[in-house]
Amino acid sequence: MRKTFGDYTDSLPWTTYNSCDGILSDYSFAIAEDKNGEIWSTDFWGVSRFDGTNWATNTIENGLAANYHWAMSSDLVGNIWLTSAYDSVITSYDGIAFVNYPQPANYEECIYADTKVIFGLVHTMETVLQV
């Protein structure tokens, strides 16, 4: 059975991935697509990236400030942006390396990326924090 949601039609078959396939976790907090069409997923243990065939994993050993990220987005040029759930560090990935941007103790919990990258902060109404 096919379902239509707005302009999107659900086409079968779906492929389900879990930790047996190489993704770090069976849980995902955020999903984004980068400029190369690769799919990224965040969880408790790091960030997983899917190239269409294989999963690659990234953790603090690969340059992340922390492993647990609860928000992620891709900007207009395809950079990936992550917010850490344990500290107040914003991380970007440009296709080559992770760059960590320590912030005041704001604990960013959501991201919107367009011509600017905007972060929503916990316990405040402040929403603009541009890196």
N, C-alpha and C. Protein backbone atom coordinates (compact mmCIF):
# COMPACT_ATOMS: atom_id res chain seq x y z
N MET A 1 0.84 -1.17 0.00
CA MET A 1 0.00 0.00 0.00
C MET A 1 0.89 1.24 0.00
N ARG A 2 0.55 2.21 -0.83
CA ARG A 2 1.28 3.47 -0.89
C ARG A 2 0.49 4.56 -0.20
N LYS A 3 1.18 5.38 0.54
CA LYS A 3 0.54 6.49 1.23
C LYS A 3 1.12 7.79 0.69
N THR A 4 0.27 8.80 0.57
CA THR A 4 0.73 10.10 0.11
C THR A 4 0.60 11.09 1.25
N PHE A 5 1.69 11.82 1.54
CA PHE A 5 1.72 12.83 2.58
C PHE A 5 2.07 14.15 1.91
N GLY A 6 1.09 15.01 1.69
CA GLY A 6 1.36 16.27 1.00
C GLY A 6 1.85 15.99 -0.41
N ASP A 7 3.04 16.49 -0.73
CA ASP A 7 3.63 16.27 -2.05
C ASP A 7 4.52 15.03 -2.10
N TYR A 8 4.62 14.31 -0.98
CA TYR A 8 5.52 13.16 -0.89
C TYR A 8 4.73 11.86 -0.96
N THR A 9 5.14 10.96 -1.83
CA THR A 9 4.51 9.65 -1.91
C THR A 9 5.46 8.61 -1.36
N ASP A 10 4.99 7.83 -0.42
CA ASP A 10 5.77 6.77 0.20
C ASP A 10 5.91 5.62 -0.78
N SER A 11 7.13 5.38 -1.23
CA SER A 11 7.38 4.31 -2.19
C SER A 11 8.12 3.17 -1.51
N LEU A 12 7.64 1.99 -1.67
CA LEU A 12 8.30 0.80 -1.13
C LEU A 12 9.37 0.35 -2.10
N PRO A 13 10.39 -0.34 -1.73
CA PRO A 13 10.62 -0.82 -0.38
C PRO A 13 11.47 0.15 0.44
N TRP A 14 11.25 0.17 1.74
CA TRP A 14 12.09 0.89 2.68
C TRP A 14 13.21 -0.04 3.10
N THR A 15 14.38 0.49 3.40
CA THR A 15 15.47 -0.28 3.97
C THR A 15 15.70 0.21 5.39
N THR A 16 15.70 -0.70 6.33
CA THR A 16 15.94 -0.38 7.73
C THR A 16 17.35 -0.78 8.10
N TYR A 17 18.07 0.11 8.79
CA TYR A 17 19.42 -0.16 9.23
C TYR A 17 19.46 -0.16 10.75
N ASN A 18 20.34 -0.97 11.31
CA ASN A 18 20.55 -0.97 12.76
C ASN A 18 22.03 -1.19 13.04
N SER A 19 22.38 -1.36 14.31
CA SER A 19 23.78 -1.47 14.70
C SER A 19 24.47 -2.69 14.08
N CYS A 20 23.74 -3.68 13.68
CA CYS A 20 24.34 -4.84 13.00
C CYS A 20 24.85 -4.47 11.60
N ASP A 21 24.34 -3.36 11.04
CA ASP A 21 24.75 -2.91 9.71
C ASP A 21 25.93 -1.93 9.75
N GLY A 22 26.36 -1.54 10.95
CA GLY A 22 27.50 -0.64 11.06
C GLY A 22 27.19 0.73 11.61
N ILE A 23 25.92 1.10 11.72
CA ILE A 23 25.54 2.35 12.36
C ILE A 23 25.81 2.19 13.86
N LEU A 24 26.19 3.28 14.54
CA LEU A 24 26.58 3.18 15.94
C LEU A 24 25.47 2.70 16.87
N SER A 25 24.23 3.05 16.56
CA SER A 25 23.14 2.77 17.49
C SER A 25 21.85 2.49 16.73
N ASP A 26 20.94 1.83 17.40
CA ASP A 26 19.61 1.61 16.85
C ASP A 26 18.71 2.83 17.08
N TYR A 27 19.22 3.84 17.80
CA TYR A 27 18.48 5.06 18.08
C TYR A 27 19.11 6.22 17.32
N SER A 28 18.31 7.11 16.83
CA SER A 28 18.81 8.29 16.14
C SER A 28 18.08 9.52 16.67
N PHE A 29 18.85 10.56 17.02
CA PHE A 29 18.26 11.80 17.51
C PHE A 29 18.06 12.81 16.40
N ALA A 30 18.92 12.77 15.39
CA ALA A 30 18.81 13.72 14.27
C ALA A 30 19.37 13.07 13.01
N ILE A 31 18.82 13.45 11.87
CA ILE A 31 19.27 12.94 10.58
C ILE A 31 19.44 14.13 9.64
N ALA A 32 20.52 14.13 8.86
CA ALA A 32 20.77 15.20 7.89
C ALA A 32 21.47 14.62 6.67
N GLU A 33 21.37 15.34 5.55
CA GLU A 33 22.04 14.95 4.33
C GLU A 33 23.10 16.00 4.00
N ASP A 34 24.32 15.56 3.66
CA ASP A 34 25.38 16.51 3.34
C ASP A 34 25.43 16.82 1.85
N LYS A 35 26.41 17.62 1.44
CA LYS A 35 26.52 18.06 0.05
C LYS A 35 26.83 16.93 -0.92
N ASN A 36 27.30 15.79 -0.42
CA ASN A 36 27.60 14.63 -1.26
C ASN A 36 26.44 13.64 -1.31
N GLY A 37 25.33 13.97 -0.66
CA GLY A 37 24.19 13.07 -0.62
C GLY A 37 24.31 11.98 0.43
N GLU A 38 25.33 12.07 1.28
CA GLU A 38 25.49 11.09 2.35
C GLU A 38 24.56 11.44 3.51
N ILE A 39 24.06 10.40 4.16
CA ILE A 39 23.11 10.57 5.26
C ILE A 39 23.85 10.43 6.58
N TRP A 40 23.61 11.38 7.48
CA TRP A 40 24.23 11.40 8.80
C TRP A 40 23.17 11.14 9.86
N SER A 41 23.56 10.46 10.93
CA SER A 41 22.67 10.15 12.04
C SER A 41 23.43 10.35 13.35
N THR A 42 22.79 11.01 14.33
CA THR A 42 23.40 11.21 15.64
C THR A 42 22.76 10.27 16.66
N ASP A 43 23.52 9.95 17.70
CA ASP A 43 23.01 9.11 18.78
C ASP A 43 23.85 9.33 20.03
N PHE A 44 23.75 8.42 21.01
CA PHE A 44 24.49 8.53 22.27
C PHE A 44 25.99 8.36 22.08
N TRP A 45 26.41 7.62 21.07
CA TRP A 45 27.80 7.17 20.97
C TRP A 45 28.60 7.87 19.88
N GLY A 46 28.02 8.79 19.15
CA GLY A 46 28.75 9.50 18.11
C GLY A 46 27.85 9.84 16.93
N VAL A 47 28.46 9.93 15.77
CA VAL A 47 27.75 10.29 14.55
C VAL A 47 28.08 9.25 13.49
N SER A 48 27.07 8.73 12.83
CA SER A 48 27.27 7.75 11.76
C SER A 48 26.95 8.41 10.43
N ARG A 49 27.71 8.03 9.39
CA ARG A 49 27.53 8.59 8.05
C ARG A 49 27.37 7.44 7.06
N PHE A 50 26.32 7.52 6.24
CA PHE A 50 26.00 6.47 5.28
C PHE A 50 26.24 6.98 3.86
N ASP A 51 27.08 6.29 3.09
CA ASP A 51 27.40 6.71 1.73
C ASP A 51 26.53 6.04 0.67
N GLY A 52 25.51 5.34 1.10
CA GLY A 52 24.63 4.61 0.18
C GLY A 52 24.91 3.13 0.18
N THR A 53 26.09 2.76 0.69
CA THR A 53 26.47 1.35 0.77
C THR A 53 26.93 0.98 2.17
N ASN A 54 27.81 1.79 2.75
CA ASN A 54 28.41 1.48 4.05
C ASN A 54 28.23 2.61 5.04
N TRP A 55 28.26 2.25 6.32
CA TRP A 55 28.23 3.21 7.41
C TRP A 55 29.65 3.46 7.88
N ALA A 56 30.01 4.72 8.11
CA ALA A 56 31.26 5.11 8.75
C ALA A 56 30.89 5.79 10.06
N THR A 57 31.68 5.60 11.08
CA THR A 57 31.36 6.17 12.39
C THR A 57 32.38 7.23 12.78
N ASN A 58 31.91 8.23 13.49
CA ASN A 58 32.75 9.31 13.99
C ASN A 58 32.45 9.49 15.47
N THR A 59 33.52 9.63 16.26
CA THR A 59 33.41 9.80 17.71
C THR A 59 34.42 10.86 18.15
N ILE A 60 34.61 10.98 19.45
CA ILE A 60 35.60 11.93 19.94
C ILE A 60 37.00 11.58 19.42
N GLU A 61 37.24 10.32 19.12
CA GLU A 61 38.53 9.92 18.56
C GLU A 61 38.76 10.50 17.16
N ASN A 62 37.69 10.86 16.45
CA ASN A 62 37.79 11.45 15.11
C ASN A 62 37.69 12.97 15.12
N GLY A 63 37.59 13.58 16.30
CA GLY A 63 37.55 15.04 16.36
C GLY A 63 36.29 15.65 16.90
N LEU A 64 35.26 14.84 17.19
CA LEU A 64 34.06 15.40 17.80
C LEU A 64 34.38 15.89 19.22
N ALA A 65 33.73 16.95 19.66
CA ALA A 65 33.91 17.45 21.02
C ALA A 65 33.29 16.49 22.03
N ALA A 66 32.22 15.83 21.63
CA ALA A 66 31.52 14.87 22.48
C ALA A 66 30.87 13.83 21.56
N ASN A 67 30.44 12.73 22.14
CA ASN A 67 29.79 11.70 21.34
C ASN A 67 28.28 11.87 21.24
N TYR A 68 27.66 12.46 22.25
CA TYR A 68 26.20 12.57 22.33
C TYR A 68 25.75 13.91 21.74
N HIS A 69 25.07 13.85 20.60
CA HIS A 69 24.56 15.05 19.93
C HIS A 69 23.06 14.91 19.73
N TRP A 70 22.32 15.96 20.06
CA TRP A 70 20.87 15.86 19.93
C TRP A 70 20.30 16.69 18.80
N ALA A 71 21.11 17.49 18.15
CA ALA A 71 20.62 18.26 17.00
C ALA A 71 21.69 18.29 15.91
N MET A 72 21.22 18.31 14.66
CA MET A 72 22.14 18.32 13.52
C MET A 72 21.41 18.93 12.34
N SER A 73 22.17 19.63 11.49
CA SER A 73 21.59 20.20 10.28
C SER A 73 22.69 20.36 9.25
N SER A 74 22.28 20.55 8.02
CA SER A 74 23.20 20.82 6.91
C SER A 74 22.93 22.23 6.41
N ASP A 75 23.98 23.01 6.16
CA ASP A 75 23.77 24.37 5.67
C ASP A 75 23.70 24.39 4.14
N LEU A 76 23.58 25.57 3.56
CA LEU A 76 23.40 25.68 2.11
C LEU A 76 24.57 25.16 1.29
N VAL A 77 25.77 25.19 1.86
CA VAL A 77 26.93 24.67 1.13
C VAL A 77 27.24 23.22 1.49
N GLY A 78 26.39 22.62 2.35
CA GLY A 78 26.52 21.20 2.64
C GLY A 78 27.33 20.85 3.87
N ASN A 79 27.78 21.84 4.64
CA ASN A 79 28.47 21.54 5.89
C ASN A 79 27.48 20.95 6.88
N ILE A 80 27.94 20.04 7.70
CA ILE A 80 27.13 19.46 8.75
C ILE A 80 27.41 20.20 10.06
N TRP A 81 26.35 20.55 10.79
CA TRP A 81 26.45 21.23 12.08
C TRP A 81 25.83 20.35 13.15
N LEU A 82 26.50 20.23 14.30
CA LEU A 82 26.05 19.39 15.41
C LEU A 82 26.08 20.18 16.70
N THR A 83 25.16 19.89 17.60
CA THR A 83 25.23 20.44 18.95
C THR A 83 25.38 19.29 19.93
N SER A 84 26.25 19.47 20.89
CA SER A 84 26.52 18.45 21.89
C SER A 84 25.50 18.53 23.02
N ALA A 85 25.11 17.39 23.53
CA ALA A 85 24.16 17.35 24.63
C ALA A 85 24.84 17.44 25.99
N TYR A 86 26.15 17.23 26.06
CA TYR A 86 26.86 17.22 27.34
C TYR A 86 27.59 18.51 27.67
N ASP A 87 27.97 19.24 26.68
CA ASP A 87 28.68 20.49 26.91
C ASP A 87 28.12 21.53 25.95
N SER A 88 28.67 22.68 25.97
CA SER A 88 28.15 23.73 25.09
C SER A 88 29.14 23.96 23.95
N VAL A 89 29.29 22.93 23.11
CA VAL A 89 30.19 23.00 21.97
C VAL A 89 29.39 22.73 20.70
N ILE A 90 29.58 23.59 19.72
CA ILE A 90 28.99 23.40 18.40
C ILE A 90 30.09 22.83 17.52
N THR A 91 29.77 21.82 16.73
CA THR A 91 30.75 21.18 15.86
C THR A 91 30.29 21.30 14.42
N SER A 92 31.22 21.60 13.52
CA SER A 92 30.90 21.61 12.09
C SER A 92 31.79 20.59 11.39
N TYR A 93 31.32 20.11 10.25
CA TYR A 93 32.10 19.21 9.40
C TYR A 93 31.97 19.71 7.98
N ASP A 94 33.10 20.00 7.34
CA ASP A 94 33.12 20.59 6.01
C ASP A 94 33.41 19.58 4.90
N GLY A 95 33.37 18.31 5.21
CA GLY A 95 33.70 17.28 4.24
C GLY A 95 35.12 16.76 4.42
N ILE A 96 35.91 17.48 5.22
CA ILE A 96 37.29 17.08 5.47
C ILE A 96 37.56 16.86 6.95
N ALA A 97 37.17 17.82 7.78
CA ALA A 97 37.50 17.74 9.20
C ALA A 97 36.40 18.32 10.06
N PHE A 98 36.36 17.89 11.32
CA PHE A 98 35.47 18.45 12.32
C PHE A 98 36.15 19.67 12.94
N VAL A 99 35.37 20.73 13.17
CA VAL A 99 35.85 21.92 13.86
C VAL A 99 34.90 22.16 15.02
N ASN A 100 35.45 22.32 16.22
CA ASN A 100 34.65 22.52 17.43
C ASN A 100 34.69 23.98 17.85
N TYR A 101 33.52 24.53 18.16
CA TYR A 101 33.37 25.92 18.58
C TYR A 101 32.79 25.95 19.99
N PRO A 102 33.64 26.06 21.02
CA PRO A 102 33.12 26.16 22.40
C PRO A 102 32.27 27.43 22.54
N GLN A 103 31.17 27.31 23.26
CA GLN A 103 30.24 28.41 23.47
C GLN A 103 30.06 28.62 24.97
N PRO A 104 29.53 29.80 25.36
CA PRO A 104 29.13 29.95 26.76
C PRO A 104 28.12 28.85 27.11
N ALA A 105 27.91 28.61 28.34
CA ALA A 105 27.06 27.50 28.78
C ALA A 105 25.61 27.69 28.35
N ASN A 106 25.33 27.53 27.06
CA ASN A 106 24.00 27.73 26.52
C ASN A 106 23.26 26.43 26.26
N TYR A 107 23.97 25.37 25.96
CA TYR A 107 23.40 24.08 25.63
C TYR A 107 22.37 24.19 24.49
N GLU A 108 22.89 24.39 23.31
CA GLU A 108 22.07 24.53 22.11
C GLU A 108 21.31 23.23 21.85
N GLU A 109 20.00 23.34 21.63
CA GLU A 109 19.23 22.12 21.45
C GLU A 109 18.54 22.01 20.09
N CYS A 110 18.64 23.01 19.24
CA CYS A 110 18.09 22.89 17.90
C CYS A 110 18.89 23.77 16.95
N ILE A 111 18.85 23.40 15.67
CA ILE A 111 19.63 24.11 14.65
C ILE A 111 18.74 24.37 13.45
N TYR A 112 18.89 25.56 12.89
CA TYR A 112 18.31 25.86 11.59
C TYR A 112 19.43 26.43 10.74
N ALA A 113 19.67 25.85 9.59
CA ALA A 113 20.76 26.31 8.74
C ALA A 113 20.21 26.74 7.39
N ASP A 114 20.53 27.96 7.02
CA ASP A 114 20.16 28.52 5.72
C ASP A 114 21.33 29.39 5.31
N THR A 115 21.11 30.68 5.07
CA THR A 115 22.24 31.56 4.76
C THR A 115 23.07 31.83 6.01
N LYS A 116 22.47 31.65 7.18
CA LYS A 116 23.14 31.69 8.47
C LYS A 116 22.83 30.38 9.18
N VAL A 117 23.64 30.05 10.16
CA VAL A 117 23.36 28.89 10.99
C VAL A 117 22.85 29.43 12.32
N ILE A 118 21.64 29.06 12.69
CA ILE A 118 20.98 29.60 13.88
C ILE A 118 20.73 28.46 14.85
N PHE A 119 21.04 28.69 16.12
CA PHE A 119 20.89 27.67 17.14
C PHE A 119 19.86 28.13 18.17
N GLY A 120 18.97 27.23 18.57
CA GLY A 120 18.02 27.50 19.65
C GLY A 120 18.65 27.06 20.95
N LEU A 121 18.51 27.88 21.97
CA LEU A 121 19.19 27.63 23.24
C LEU A 121 18.22 27.15 24.30
N VAL A 122 18.70 26.30 25.18
CA VAL A 122 17.90 25.78 26.28
C VAL A 122 17.64 26.89 27.30
N HIS A 123 16.44 26.96 27.82
CA HIS A 123 16.03 27.83 28.92
C HIS A 123 16.07 29.32 28.60
N THR A 124 16.17 29.69 27.33
CA THR A 124 16.12 31.10 26.98
C THR A 124 15.33 31.25 25.69
N MET A 125 14.98 32.43 25.38
CA MET A 125 14.30 32.70 24.12
C MET A 125 15.29 33.18 23.07
N GLU A 126 16.58 33.27 23.43
CA GLU A 126 17.58 33.68 22.46
C GLU A 126 17.67 32.60 21.38
N THR A 127 17.70 33.01 20.15
CA THR A 127 17.74 32.01 19.07
C THR A 127 18.84 32.24 18.06
N VAL A 128 19.50 33.37 18.10
CA VAL A 128 20.51 33.62 17.08
C VAL A 128 21.90 33.51 17.70
N LEU A 129 22.66 32.58 17.21
CA LEU A 129 24.05 32.42 17.61
C LEU A 129 24.77 32.00 16.35
N GLN A 130 25.46 32.92 15.73
CA GLN A 130 26.09 32.63 14.46
C GLN A 130 27.56 32.33 14.68
N VAL A 131 28.03 31.24 14.09
CA VAL A 131 29.44 30.86 14.19
C VAL A 131 30.16 31.38 12.98
